[in-house]
Amino acid sequence: MTVELNKKALDHAKHLIKQGQLQRDERDDWSEHAPSADQENDYLDKHGWDDYAQWYLGVDSSMGEETKGRYKFPYGDFRRVHRCGVISAESRAAQQSYDDITKAVAELHKLLDGDHA
């Protein structure tokens, strides 16, 4: 499995944060705030794979291009960035030693928490 940073998704997340499209929720909220499979399917039907991909910070190039399994490390609910999603992605990326993704997600975490240093 080869999972790489999705730079378009990172740029999309940064843009959303700068536009104020964010939810500063708590770490453990992601299980309730993450999109369901039905919400993912609805979004795909309405927006297509390119837009769908912008909500996932990792891309598994070993998976088919038009499969949900290709996209890893979600950070939002297809409307806004969720702090709990970013924290979850940060933790999972670090556990799996995806250093580029870990670094990118840590950057988003700092943006969400207002630490621009």
PDB file of N, CA and C in Angstrom:
ATOM      1  N   MET A   1       0.848  -1.185   0.000  1.00  0.00           N
ATOM      2  CA  MET A   1       0.000   0.000   0.000  1.00  0.00           C
ATOM      3  C   MET A   1       0.888   1.242   0.000  1.00  0.00           C
ATOM      4  N   THR A   2       0.640   2.114  -0.953  1.00  0.00           N
ATOM      5  CA  THR A   2       1.375   3.355  -1.061  1.00  0.00           C
ATOM      6  C   THR A   2       0.417   4.520  -0.850  1.00  0.00           C
ATOM      7  N   VAL A   3       0.504   5.134   0.319  1.00  0.00           N
ATOM      8  CA  VAL A   3      -0.373   6.264   0.628  1.00  0.00           C
ATOM      9  C   VAL A   3       0.476   7.531   0.618  1.00  0.00           C
ATOM     10  N   GLU A   4       0.051   8.481  -0.199  1.00  0.00           N
ATOM     11  CA  GLU A   4       0.780   9.741  -0.337  1.00  0.00           C
ATOM     12  C   GLU A   4      -0.125  10.909   0.038  1.00  0.00           C
ATOM     13  N   LEU A   5       0.504  12.001   0.392  1.00  0.00           N
ATOM     14  CA  LEU A   5      -0.220  13.225   0.716  1.00  0.00           C
ATOM     15  C   LEU A   5      -0.986  13.719  -0.511  1.00  0.00           C
ATOM     16  N   ASN A   6      -2.238  14.046  -0.300  1.00  0.00           N
ATOM     17  CA  ASN A   6      -3.075  14.637  -1.328  1.00  0.00           C
ATOM     18  C   ASN A   6      -2.954  16.157  -1.179  1.00  0.00           C
ATOM     19  N   LYS A   7      -2.085  16.766  -1.959  1.00  0.00           N
ATOM     20  CA  LYS A   7      -1.801  18.195  -1.827  1.00  0.00           C
ATOM     21  C   LYS A   7      -3.015  19.062  -2.142  1.00  0.00           C
ATOM     22  N   LYS A   8      -3.847  18.620  -3.066  1.00  0.00           N
ATOM     23  CA  LYS A   8      -5.068  19.378  -3.375  1.00  0.00           C
ATOM     24  C   LYS A   8      -5.996  19.410  -2.161  1.00  0.00           C
ATOM     25  N   ALA A   9      -6.073  18.292  -1.452  1.00  0.00           N
ATOM     26  CA  ALA A   9      -6.911  18.241  -0.243  1.00  0.00           C
ATOM     27  C   ALA A   9      -6.341  19.143   0.841  1.00  0.00           C
ATOM     28  N   LEU A  10      -5.026  19.156   0.984  1.00  0.00           N
ATOM     29  CA  LEU A  10      -4.388  20.029   1.968  1.00  0.00           C
ATOM     30  C   LEU A  10      -4.685  21.490   1.647  1.00  0.00           C
ATOM     31  N   ASP A  11      -4.545  21.874   0.396  1.00  0.00           N
ATOM     32  CA  ASP A  11      -4.848  23.251  -0.015  1.00  0.00           C
ATOM     33  C   ASP A  11      -6.330  23.582   0.213  1.00  0.00           C
ATOM     34  N   HIS A  12      -7.191  22.628  -0.084  1.00  0.00           N
ATOM     35  CA  HIS A  12      -8.627  22.823   0.118  1.00  0.00           C
ATOM     36  C   HIS A  12      -8.928  23.048   1.601  1.00  0.00           C
ATOM     37  N   ALA A  13      -8.339  22.230   2.456  1.00  0.00           N
ATOM     38  CA  ALA A  13      -8.554  22.365   3.900  1.00  0.00           C
ATOM     39  C   ALA A  13      -8.060  23.724   4.399  1.00  0.00           C
ATOM     40  N   LYS A  14      -6.888  24.146   3.955  1.00  0.00           N
ATOM     41  CA  LYS A  14      -6.356  25.453   4.363  1.00  0.00           C
ATOM     42  C   LYS A  14      -7.293  26.576   3.927  1.00  0.00           C
ATOM     43  N   HIS A  15      -7.788  26.478   2.703  1.00  0.00           N
ATOM     44  CA  HIS A  15      -8.710  27.492   2.186  1.00  0.00           C
ATOM     45  C   HIS A  15      -9.979  27.552   3.037  1.00  0.00           C
ATOM     46  N   LEU A  16     -10.529  26.383   3.347  1.00  0.00           N
ATOM     47  CA  LEU A  16     -11.744  26.350   4.163  1.00  0.00           C
ATOM     48  C   LEU A  16     -11.507  26.963   5.537  1.00  0.00           C
ATOM     49  N   ILE A  17     -10.372  26.657   6.137  1.00  0.00           N
ATOM     50  CA  ILE A  17     -10.049  27.208   7.461  1.00  0.00           C
ATOM     51  C   ILE A  17      -9.947  28.730   7.383  1.00  0.00           C
ATOM     52  N   LYS A  18      -9.259  29.225   6.366  1.00  0.00           N
ATOM     53  CA  LYS A  18      -9.109  30.676   6.210  1.00  0.00           C
ATOM     54  C   LYS A  18     -10.446  31.357   5.965  1.00  0.00           C
ATOM     55  N   GLN A  19     -11.387  30.643   5.336  1.00  0.00           N
ATOM     56  CA  GLN A  19     -12.723  31.182   5.074  1.00  0.00           C
ATOM     57  C   GLN A  19     -13.658  31.036   6.277  1.00  0.00           C
ATOM     58  N   GLY A  20     -13.162  30.402   7.340  1.00  0.00           N
ATOM     59  CA  GLY A  20     -13.974  30.224   8.535  1.00  0.00           C
ATOM     60  C   GLY A  20     -14.933  29.051   8.457  1.00  0.00           C
ATOM     61  N   GLN A  21     -14.756  28.185   7.476  1.00  0.00           N
ATOM     62  CA  GLN A  21     -15.611  27.011   7.330  1.00  0.00           C
ATOM     63  C   GLN A  21     -14.996  25.869   8.143  1.00  0.00           C
ATOM     64  N   LEU A  22     -15.189  25.965   9.460  1.00  0.00           N
ATOM     65  CA  LEU A  22     -14.569  25.005  10.361  1.00  0.00           C
ATOM     66  C   LEU A  22     -15.433  24.785  11.570  1.00  0.00           C
ATOM     67  N   GLN A  23     -15.166  23.677  12.225  1.00  0.00           N
ATOM     68  CA  GLN A  23     -15.850  23.332  13.470  1.00  0.00           C
ATOM     69  C   GLN A  23     -14.763  22.998  14.483  1.00  0.00           C
ATOM     70  N   ARG A  24     -14.666  23.804  15.520  1.00  0.00           N
ATOM     71  CA  ARG A  24     -13.655  23.575  16.558  1.00  0.00           C
ATOM     72  C   ARG A  24     -14.235  22.649  17.628  1.00  0.00           C
ATOM     73  N   ASP A  25     -14.437  21.417  17.233  1.00  0.00           N
ATOM     74  CA  ASP A  25     -15.016  20.437  18.138  1.00  0.00           C
ATOM     75  C   ASP A  25     -13.913  19.699  18.903  1.00  0.00           C
ATOM     76  N   GLU A  26     -14.319  18.762  19.717  1.00  0.00           N
ATOM     77  CA  GLU A  26     -13.377  18.045  20.576  1.00  0.00           C
ATOM     78  C   GLU A  26     -12.890  16.757  19.924  1.00  0.00           C
ATOM     79  N   ARG A  27     -11.755  16.305  20.359  1.00  0.00           N
ATOM     80  CA  ARG A  27     -11.069  15.143  19.824  1.00  0.00           C
ATOM     81  C   ARG A  27     -11.999  13.937  19.614  1.00  0.00           C
ATOM     82  N   ASP A  28     -12.807  13.611  20.589  1.00  0.00           N
ATOM     83  CA  ASP A  28     -13.617  12.405  20.541  1.00  0.00           C
ATOM     84  C   ASP A  28     -14.918  12.563  19.744  1.00  0.00           C
ATOM     85  N   ASP A  29     -15.165  13.709  19.163  1.00  0.00           N
ATOM     86  CA  ASP A  29     -16.404  13.947  18.426  1.00  0.00           C
ATOM     87  C   ASP A  29     -16.413  13.349  17.018  1.00  0.00           C
ATOM     88  N   TRP A  30     -15.277  12.934  16.518  1.00  0.00           N
ATOM     89  CA  TRP A  30     -15.193  12.510  15.119  1.00  0.00           C
ATOM     90  C   TRP A  30     -16.094  11.322  14.806  1.00  0.00           C
ATOM     91  N   SER A  31     -16.261  10.407  15.746  1.00  0.00           N
ATOM     92  CA  SER A  31     -17.117   9.245  15.475  1.00  0.00           C
ATOM     93  C   SER A  31     -18.553   9.686  15.171  1.00  0.00           C
ATOM     94  N   GLU A  32     -18.981  10.793  15.737  1.00  0.00           N
ATOM     95  CA  GLU A  32     -20.322  11.317  15.467  1.00  0.00           C
ATOM     96  C   GLU A  32     -20.353  12.288  14.295  1.00  0.00           C
ATOM     97  N   HIS A  33     -19.249  12.969  14.019  1.00  0.00           N
ATOM     98  CA  HIS A  33     -19.221  14.009  12.995  1.00  0.00           C
ATOM     99  C   HIS A  33     -18.733  13.534  11.633  1.00  0.00           C
ATOM    100  N   ALA A  34     -18.047  12.407  11.589  1.00  0.00           N
ATOM    101  CA  ALA A  34     -17.536  11.884  10.316  1.00  0.00           C
ATOM    102  C   ALA A  34     -18.714  11.539   9.400  1.00  0.00           C
ATOM    103  N   PRO A  35     -18.576  11.784   8.111  1.00  0.00           N
ATOM    104  CA  PRO A  35     -19.657  11.438   7.179  1.00  0.00           C
ATOM    105  C   PRO A  35     -19.926   9.930   7.176  1.00  0.00           C
ATOM    106  N   SER A  36     -21.190   9.577   7.086  1.00  0.00           N
ATOM    107  CA  SER A  36     -21.572   8.173   6.978  1.00  0.00           C
ATOM    108  C   SER A  36     -21.343   7.700   5.541  1.00  0.00           C
ATOM    109  N   ALA A  37     -21.428   6.411   5.331  1.00  0.00           N
ATOM    110  CA  ALA A  37     -21.284   5.861   3.977  1.00  0.00           C
ATOM    111  C   ALA A  37     -22.357   6.440   3.054  1.00  0.00           C
ATOM    112  N   ASP A  38     -23.575   6.611   3.560  1.00  0.00           N
ATOM    113  CA  ASP A  38     -24.641   7.202   2.746  1.00  0.00           C
ATOM    114  C   ASP A  38     -24.328   8.650   2.378  1.00  0.00           C
ATOM    115  N   GLN A  39     -23.786   9.416   3.327  1.00  0.00           N
ATOM    116  CA  GLN A  39     -23.416  10.801   3.033  1.00  0.00           C
ATOM    117  C   GLN A  39     -22.277  10.848   2.008  1.00  0.00           C
ATOM    118  N   GLU A  40     -21.328   9.942   2.135  1.00  0.00           N
ATOM    119  CA  GLU A  40     -20.253   9.870   1.137  1.00  0.00           C
ATOM    120  C   GLU A  40     -20.829   9.576  -0.249  1.00  0.00           C
ATOM    121  N   ASN A  41     -21.722   8.605  -0.325  1.00  0.00           N
ATOM    122  CA  ASN A  41     -22.320   8.239  -1.613  1.00  0.00           C
ATOM    123  C   ASN A  41     -23.125   9.388  -2.202  1.00  0.00           C
ATOM    124  N   ASP A  42     -23.900  10.079  -1.368  1.00  0.00           N
ATOM    125  CA  ASP A  42     -24.664  11.235  -1.841  1.00  0.00           C
ATOM    126  C   ASP A  42     -23.738  12.314  -2.389  1.00  0.00           C
ATOM    127  N   TYR A  43     -22.646  12.584  -1.655  1.00  0.00           N
ATOM    128  CA  TYR A  43     -21.693  13.598  -2.107  1.00  0.00           C
ATOM    129  C   TYR A  43     -21.069  13.194  -3.444  1.00  0.00           C
ATOM    130  N   LEU A  44     -20.678  11.937  -3.547  1.00  0.00           N
ATOM    131  CA  LEU A  44     -20.104  11.436  -4.803  1.00  0.00           C
ATOM    132  C   LEU A  44     -21.084  11.600  -5.963  1.00  0.00           C
ATOM    133  N   ASP A  45     -22.344  11.234  -5.747  1.00  0.00           N
ATOM    134  CA  ASP A  45     -23.356  11.345  -6.805  1.00  0.00           C
ATOM    135  C   ASP A  45     -23.523  12.779  -7.276  1.00  0.00           C
ATOM    136  N   LYS A  46     -23.452  13.722  -6.345  1.00  0.00           N
ATOM    137  CA  LYS A  46     -23.683  15.131  -6.685  1.00  0.00           C
ATOM    138  C   LYS A  46     -22.438  15.847  -7.202  1.00  0.00           C
ATOM    139  N   HIS A  47     -21.244  15.429  -6.725  1.00  0.00           N
ATOM    140  CA  HIS A  47     -20.040  16.218  -6.996  1.00  0.00           C
ATOM    141  C   HIS A  47     -18.939  15.481  -7.755  1.00  0.00           C
ATOM    142  N   GLY A  48     -18.958  14.170  -7.758  1.00  0.00           N
ATOM    143  CA  GLY A  48     -17.951  13.403  -8.491  1.00  0.00           C
ATOM    144  C   GLY A  48     -16.685  13.144  -7.690  1.00  0.00           C
ATOM    145  N   TRP A  49     -15.813  12.351  -8.296  1.00  0.00           N
ATOM    146  CA  TRP A  49     -14.602  11.874  -7.616  1.00  0.00           C
ATOM    147  C   TRP A  49     -13.587  12.968  -7.324  1.00  0.00           C
ATOM    148  N   ASP A  50     -13.429  13.931  -8.223  1.00  0.00           N
ATOM    149  CA  ASP A  50     -12.425  14.985  -7.999  1.00  0.00           C
ATOM    150  C   ASP A  50     -12.754  15.809  -6.757  1.00  0.00           C
ATOM    151  N   ASP A  51     -14.010  16.199  -6.600  1.00  0.00           N
ATOM    152  CA  ASP A  51     -14.411  16.960  -5.411  1.00  0.00           C
ATOM    153  C   ASP A  51     -14.346  16.088  -4.161  1.00  0.00           C
ATOM    154  N   TYR A  52     -14.769  14.842  -4.295  1.00  0.00           N
ATOM    155  CA  TYR A  52     -14.720  13.905  -3.169  1.00  0.00           C
ATOM    156  C   TYR A  52     -13.292  13.781  -2.646  1.00  0.00           C
ATOM    157  N   ALA A  53     -12.345  13.654  -3.554  1.00  0.00           N
ATOM    158  CA  ALA A  53     -10.932  13.469  -3.185  1.00  0.00           C
ATOM    159  C   ALA A  53     -10.388  14.636  -2.365  1.00  0.00           C
ATOM    160  N   GLN A  54     -10.940  15.828  -2.546  1.00  0.00           N
ATOM    161  CA  GLN A  54     -10.455  17.010  -1.822  1.00  0.00           C
ATOM    162  C   GLN A  54     -10.708  16.941  -0.325  1.00  0.00           C
ATOM    163  N   TRP A  55     -11.486  15.985   0.127  1.00  0.00           N
ATOM    164  CA  TRP A  55     -11.823  15.847   1.543  1.00  0.00           C
ATOM    165  C   TRP A  55     -10.998  14.772   2.235  1.00  0.00           C
ATOM    166  N   TYR A  56      -9.980  14.262   1.538  1.00  0.00           N
ATOM    167  CA  TYR A  56      -9.141  13.181   2.076  1.00  0.00           C
ATOM    168  C   TYR A  56      -7.672  13.538   1.878  1.00  0.00           C
ATOM    169  N   LEU A  57      -6.923  13.543   2.957  1.00  0.00           N
ATOM    170  CA  LEU A  57      -5.530  13.990   2.917  1.00  0.00           C
ATOM    171  C   LEU A  57      -4.560  12.928   2.406  1.00  0.00           C
ATOM    172  N   GLY A  58      -5.007  11.704   2.260  1.00  0.00           N
ATOM    173  CA  GLY A  58      -4.153  10.645   1.753  1.00  0.00           C
ATOM    174  C   GLY A  58      -4.778   9.957   0.557  1.00  0.00           C
ATOM    175  N   VAL A  59      -3.928   9.538  -0.381  1.00  0.00           N
ATOM    176  CA  VAL A  59      -4.370   8.801  -1.557  1.00  0.00           C
ATOM    177  C   VAL A  59      -3.547   7.522  -1.638  1.00  0.00           C
ATOM    178  N   ASP A  60      -4.236   6.392  -1.699  1.00  0.00           N
ATOM    179  CA  ASP A  60      -3.602   5.090  -1.831  1.00  0.00           C
ATOM    180  C   ASP A  60      -3.568   4.741  -3.313  1.00  0.00           C
ATOM    181  N   SER A  61      -2.403   4.906  -3.925  1.00  0.00           N
ATOM    182  CA  SER A  61      -2.273   4.708  -5.370  1.00  0.00           C
ATOM    183  C   SER A  61      -2.413   3.244  -5.786  1.00  0.00           C
ATOM    184  N   SER A  62      -2.420   2.329  -4.841  1.00  0.00           N
ATOM    185  CA  SER A  62      -2.601   0.912  -5.190  1.00  0.00           C
ATOM    186  C   SER A  62      -4.080   0.560  -5.384  1.00  0.00           C
ATOM    187  N   MET A  63      -4.962   1.466  -5.013  1.00  0.00           N
ATOM    188  CA  MET A  63      -6.403   1.234  -5.155  1.00  0.00           C
ATOM    189  C   MET A  63      -6.912   1.887  -6.439  1.00  0.00           C
ATOM    190  N   GLY A  64      -7.996   1.369  -6.956  1.00  0.00           N
ATOM    191  CA  GLY A  64      -8.592   1.910  -8.174  1.00  0.00           C
ATOM    192  C   GLY A  64      -8.970   3.368  -8.028  1.00  0.00           C
ATOM    193  N   GLU A  65      -8.891   4.105  -9.137  1.00  0.00           N
ATOM    194  CA  GLU A  65      -9.120   5.552  -9.092  1.00  0.00           C
ATOM    195  C   GLU A  65     -10.522   5.929  -8.640  1.00  0.00           C
ATOM    196  N   GLU A  66     -11.517   5.177  -9.006  1.00  0.00           N
ATOM    197  CA  GLU A  66     -12.886   5.524  -8.625  1.00  0.00           C
ATOM    198  C   GLU A  66     -13.407   4.535  -7.589  1.00  0.00           C
ATOM    199  N   THR A  67     -12.654   4.432  -6.494  1.00  0.00           N
ATOM    200  CA  THR A  67     -13.070   3.622  -5.356  1.00  0.00           C
ATOM    201  C   THR A  67     -12.871   4.434  -4.084  1.00  0.00           C
ATOM    202  N   LYS A  68     -13.787   4.279  -3.147  1.00  0.00           N
ATOM    203  CA  LYS A  68     -13.663   5.014  -1.892  1.00  0.00           C
ATOM    204  C   LYS A  68     -12.440   4.552  -1.106  1.00  0.00           C
ATOM    205  N   GLY A  69     -12.025   3.312  -1.289  1.00  0.00           N
ATOM    206  CA  GLY A  69     -10.855   2.794  -0.594  1.00  0.00           C
ATOM    207  C   GLY A  69      -9.561   3.488  -0.960  1.00  0.00           C
ATOM    208  N   ARG A  70      -9.555   4.206  -2.056  1.00  0.00           N
ATOM    209  CA  ARG A  70      -8.359   4.937  -2.497  1.00  0.00           C
ATOM    210  C   ARG A  70      -8.059   6.126  -1.579  1.00  0.00           C
ATOM    211  N   TYR A  71      -9.091   6.648  -0.921  1.00  0.00           N
ATOM    212  CA  TYR A  71      -8.959   7.902  -0.177  1.00  0.00           C
ATOM    213  C   TYR A  71      -8.914   7.650   1.323  1.00  0.00           C
ATOM    214  N   LYS A  72      -7.906   8.199   1.961  1.00  0.00           N
ATOM    215  CA  LYS A  72      -7.626   7.991   3.385  1.00  0.00           C
ATOM    216  C   LYS A  72      -7.541   9.337   4.101  1.00  0.00           C
ATOM    217  N   PHE A  73      -7.721   9.305   5.381  1.00  0.00           N
ATOM    218  CA  PHE A  73      -7.542  10.449   6.268  1.00  0.00           C
ATOM    219  C   PHE A  73      -8.505  11.610   5.967  1.00  0.00           C
ATOM    220  N   PRO A  74      -9.807  11.348   6.169  1.00  0.00           N
ATOM    221  CA  PRO A  74     -10.787  12.432   6.007  1.00  0.00           C
ATOM    222  C   PRO A  74     -10.613  13.478   7.103  1.00  0.00           C
ATOM    223  N   TYR A  75     -10.981  14.705   6.800  1.00  0.00           N
ATOM    224  CA  TYR A  75     -10.823  15.790   7.781  1.00  0.00           C
ATOM    225  C   TYR A  75     -12.081  16.629   7.956  1.00  0.00           C
ATOM    226  N   GLY A  76     -13.126  16.338   7.208  1.00  0.00           N
ATOM    227  CA  GLY A  76     -14.313  17.170   7.301  1.00  0.00           C
ATOM    228  C   GLY A  76     -15.574  16.441   6.908  1.00  0.00           C
ATOM    229  N   ASP A  77     -16.671  17.191   6.868  1.00  0.00           N
ATOM    230  CA  ASP A  77     -17.996  16.626   6.619  1.00  0.00           C
ATOM    231  C   ASP A  77     -18.569  17.046   5.270  1.00  0.00           C
ATOM    232  N   PHE A  78     -17.715  17.415   4.324  1.00  0.00           N
ATOM    233  CA  PHE A  78     -18.085  17.872   2.982  1.00  0.00           C
ATOM    234  C   PHE A  78     -18.664  19.285   2.990  1.00  0.00           C
ATOM    235  N   ARG A  79     -18.609  19.954   4.146  1.00  0.00           N
ATOM    236  CA  ARG A  79     -19.013  21.368   4.243  1.00  0.00           C
ATOM    237  C   ARG A  79     -17.939  22.186   4.937  1.00  0.00           C
ATOM    238  N   ARG A  80     -17.346  21.582   5.971  1.00  0.00           N
ATOM    239  CA  ARG A  80     -16.373  22.326   6.759  1.00  0.00           C
ATOM    240  C   ARG A  80     -15.326  21.362   7.334  1.00  0.00           C
ATOM    241  N   VAL A  81     -14.229  21.949   7.756  1.00  0.00           N
ATOM    242  CA  VAL A  81     -13.149  21.209   8.398  1.00  0.00           C
ATOM    243  C   VAL A  81     -13.535  20.997   9.858  1.00  0.00           C
ATOM    244  N   HIS A  82     -13.354  19.795  10.334  1.00  0.00           N
ATOM    245  CA  HIS A  82     -13.622  19.487  11.745  1.00  0.00           C
ATOM    246  C   HIS A  82     -12.301  19.275  12.467  1.00  0.00           C
ATOM    247  N   ARG A  83     -12.135  19.980  13.563  1.00  0.00           N
ATOM    248  CA  ARG A  83     -10.933  19.822  14.381  1.00  0.00           C
ATOM    249  C   ARG A  83     -10.764  18.354  14.795  1.00  0.00           C
ATOM    250  N   CYS A  84     -11.863  17.700  15.168  1.00  0.00           N
ATOM    251  CA  CYS A  84     -11.783  16.300  15.596  1.00  0.00           C
ATOM    252  C   CYS A  84     -11.332  15.397  14.445  1.00  0.00           C
ATOM    253  N   GLY A  85     -11.719  15.711  13.217  1.00  0.00           N
ATOM    254  CA  GLY A  85     -11.274  14.940  12.060  1.00  0.00           C
ATOM    255  C   GLY A  85      -9.797  15.127  11.798  1.00  0.00           C
ATOM    256  N   VAL A  86      -9.332  16.360  11.967  1.00  0.00           N
ATOM    257  CA  VAL A  86      -7.905  16.664  11.794  1.00  0.00           C
ATOM    258  C   VAL A  86      -7.087  15.929  12.851  1.00  0.00           C
ATOM    259  N   ILE A  87      -7.542  15.957  14.098  1.00  0.00           N
ATOM    260  CA  ILE A  87      -6.823  15.276  15.179  1.00  0.00           C
ATOM    261  C   ILE A  87      -6.795  13.772  14.923  1.00  0.00           C
ATOM    262  N   SER A  88      -7.911  13.222  14.486  1.00  0.00           N
ATOM    263  CA  SER A  88      -7.976  11.791  14.183  1.00  0.00           C
ATOM    264  C   SER A  88      -7.006  11.429  13.055  1.00  0.00           C
ATOM    265  N   ALA A  89      -6.998  12.225  11.999  1.00  0.00           N
ATOM    266  CA  ALA A  89      -6.090  11.976  10.876  1.00  0.00           C
ATOM    267  C   ALA A  89      -4.636  12.109  11.314  1.00  0.00           C
ATOM    268  N   GLU A  90      -4.356  13.096  12.147  1.00  0.00           N
ATOM    269  CA  GLU A  90      -2.994  13.314  12.643  1.00  0.00           C
ATOM    270  C   GLU A  90      -2.509  12.088  13.422  1.00  0.00           C
ATOM    271  N   SER A  91      -3.351  11.580  14.286  1.00  0.00           N
ATOM    272  CA  SER A  91      -3.001  10.423  15.114  1.00  0.00           C
ATOM    273  C   SER A  91      -2.796   9.168  14.262  1.00  0.00           C
ATOM    274  N   ARG A  92      -3.723   8.902  13.348  1.00  0.00           N
ATOM    275  CA  ARG A  92      -3.625   7.698  12.516  1.00  0.00           C
ATOM    276  C   ARG A  92      -2.439   7.768  11.560  1.00  0.00           C
ATOM    277  N   ALA A  93      -2.168   8.924  11.000  1.00  0.00           N
ATOM    278  CA  ALA A  93      -1.025   9.064  10.094  1.00  0.00           C
ATOM    279  C   ALA A  93       0.286   8.823  10.830  1.00  0.00           C
ATOM    280  N   ALA A  94       0.384   9.340  12.054  1.00  0.00           N
ATOM    281  CA  ALA A  94       1.599   9.131  12.851  1.00  0.00           C
ATOM    282  C   ALA A  94       1.752   7.657  13.213  1.00  0.00           C
ATOM    283  N   GLN A  95       0.669   7.006  13.591  1.00  0.00           N
ATOM    284  CA  GLN A  95       0.723   5.587  13.944  1.00  0.00           C
ATOM    285  C   GLN A  95       1.188   4.733  12.771  1.00  0.00           C
ATOM    286  N   GLN A  96       0.819   5.143  11.560  1.00  0.00           N
ATOM    287  CA  GLN A  96       1.146   4.367  10.366  1.00  0.00           C
ATOM    288  C   GLN A  96       2.412   4.867   9.667  1.00  0.00           C
ATOM    289  N   SER A  97       3.091   5.817  10.297  1.00  0.00           N
ATOM    290  CA  SER A  97       4.361   6.366   9.806  1.00  0.00           C
ATOM    291  C   SER A  97       4.265   6.999   8.420  1.00  0.00           C
ATOM    292  N   TYR A  98       3.158   7.704   8.172  1.00  0.00           N
ATOM    293  CA  TYR A  98       3.029   8.495   6.950  1.00  0.00           C
ATOM    294  C   TYR A  98       3.494   9.903   7.283  1.00  0.00           C
ATOM    295  N   ASP A  99       4.804  10.117   7.218  1.00  0.00           N
ATOM    296  CA  ASP A  99       5.402  11.347   7.721  1.00  0.00           C
ATOM    297  C   ASP A  99       4.908  12.602   7.008  1.00  0.00           C
ATOM    298  N   ASP A 100       4.757  12.556   5.679  1.00  0.00           N
ATOM    299  CA  ASP A 100       4.279  13.736   4.941  1.00  0.00           C
ATOM    300  C   ASP A 100       2.865  14.113   5.369  1.00  0.00           C
ATOM    301  N   ILE A 101       2.029  13.106   5.549  1.00  0.00           N
ATOM    302  CA  ILE A 101       0.648  13.361   5.949  1.00  0.00           C
ATOM    303  C   ILE A 101       0.610  13.852   7.391  1.00  0.00           C
ATOM    304  N   THR A 102       1.414  13.230   8.258  1.00  0.00           N
ATOM    305  CA  THR A 102       1.473  13.654   9.661  1.00  0.00           C
ATOM    306  C   THR A 102       1.869  15.122   9.763  1.00  0.00           C
ATOM    307  N   LYS A 103       2.878  15.511   9.006  1.00  0.00           N
ATOM    308  CA  LYS A 103       3.352  16.899   9.031  1.00  0.00           C
ATOM    309  C   LYS A 103       2.270  17.857   8.505  1.00  0.00           C
ATOM    310  N   ALA A 104       1.611  17.476   7.427  1.00  0.00           N
ATOM    311  CA  ALA A 104       0.572  18.325   6.846  1.00  0.00           C
ATOM    312  C   ALA A 104      -0.607  18.481   7.792  1.00  0.00           C
ATOM    313  N   VAL A 105      -1.009  17.390   8.432  1.00  0.00           N
ATOM    314  CA  VAL A 105      -2.153  17.446   9.326  1.00  0.00           C
ATOM    315  C   VAL A 105      -1.807  18.245  10.584  1.00  0.00           C
ATOM    316  N   ALA A 106      -0.576  18.131  11.056  1.00  0.00           N
ATOM    317  CA  ALA A 106      -0.145  18.940  12.200  1.00  0.00           C
ATOM    318  C   ALA A 106      -0.232  20.428  11.853  1.00  0.00           C
ATOM    319  N   GLU A 107       0.092  20.772  10.619  1.00  0.00           N
ATOM    320  CA  GLU A 107      -0.015  22.161  10.155  1.00  0.00           C
ATOM    321  C   GLU A 107      -1.478  22.623  10.192  1.00  0.00           C
ATOM    322  N   LEU A 108      -2.399  21.767   9.741  1.00  0.00           N
ATOM    323  CA  LEU A 108      -3.822  22.107   9.797  1.00  0.00           C
ATOM    324  C   LEU A 108      -4.285  22.269  11.238  1.00  0.00           C
ATOM    325  N   HIS A 109      -3.814  21.394  12.096  1.00  0.00           N
ATOM    326  CA  HIS A 109      -4.175  21.457  13.520  1.00  0.00           C
ATOM    327  C   HIS A 109      -3.766  22.810  14.104  1.00  0.00           C
ATOM    328  N   LYS A 110      -2.566  23.253  13.785  1.00  0.00           N
ATOM    329  CA  LYS A 110      -2.103  24.561  14.269  1.00  0.00           C
ATOM    330  C   LYS A 110      -2.967  25.692  13.725  1.00  0.00           C
ATOM    331  N   LEU A 111      -3.339  25.608  12.448  1.00  0.00           N
ATOM    332  CA  LEU A 111      -4.202  26.635  11.860  1.00  0.00           C
ATOM    333  C   LEU A 111      -5.558  26.675  12.586  1.00  0.00           C
ATOM    334  N   LEU A 112      -6.100  25.508  12.852  1.00  0.00           N
ATOM    335  CA  LEU A 112      -7.407  25.436  13.522  1.00  0.00           C
ATOM    336  C   LEU A 112      -7.340  26.005  14.939  1.00  0.00           C
ATOM    337  N   ASP A 113      -6.239  25.776  15.601  1.00  0.00           N
ATOM    338  CA  ASP A 113      -6.096  26.237  16.992  1.00  0.00           C
ATOM    339  C   ASP A 113      -5.578  27.669  17.071  1.00  0.00           C
ATOM    340  N   GLY A 114      -5.413  28.303  15.902  1.00  0.00           N
ATOM    341  CA  GLY A 114      -5.013  29.701  15.892  1.00  0.00           C
ATOM    342  C   GLY A 114      -3.550  29.955  16.097  1.00  0.00           C
ATOM    343  N   ASP A 115      -2.723  28.927  15.984  1.00  0.00           N
ATOM    344  CA  ASP A 115      -1.273  29.045  16.174  1.00  0.00           C
ATOM    345  C   ASP A 115      -0.632  29.199  14.803  1.00  0.00           C
ATOM    346  N   HIS A 116      -0.410  30.423  14.393  1.00  0.00           N
ATOM    347  CA  HIS A 116       0.143  30.691  13.055  1.00  0.00           C
ATOM    348  C   HIS A 116       1.659  30.790  13.067  1.00  0.00           C
ATOM    349  N   ALA A 117       2.284  30.471  14.165  1.00  0.00           N
ATOM    350  CA  ALA A 117       3.739  30.578  14.279  1.00  0.00           C
ATOM    351  C   ALA A 117       4.451  29.500  13.527  1.00  0.00           C
TER     352      ALA A 117
END
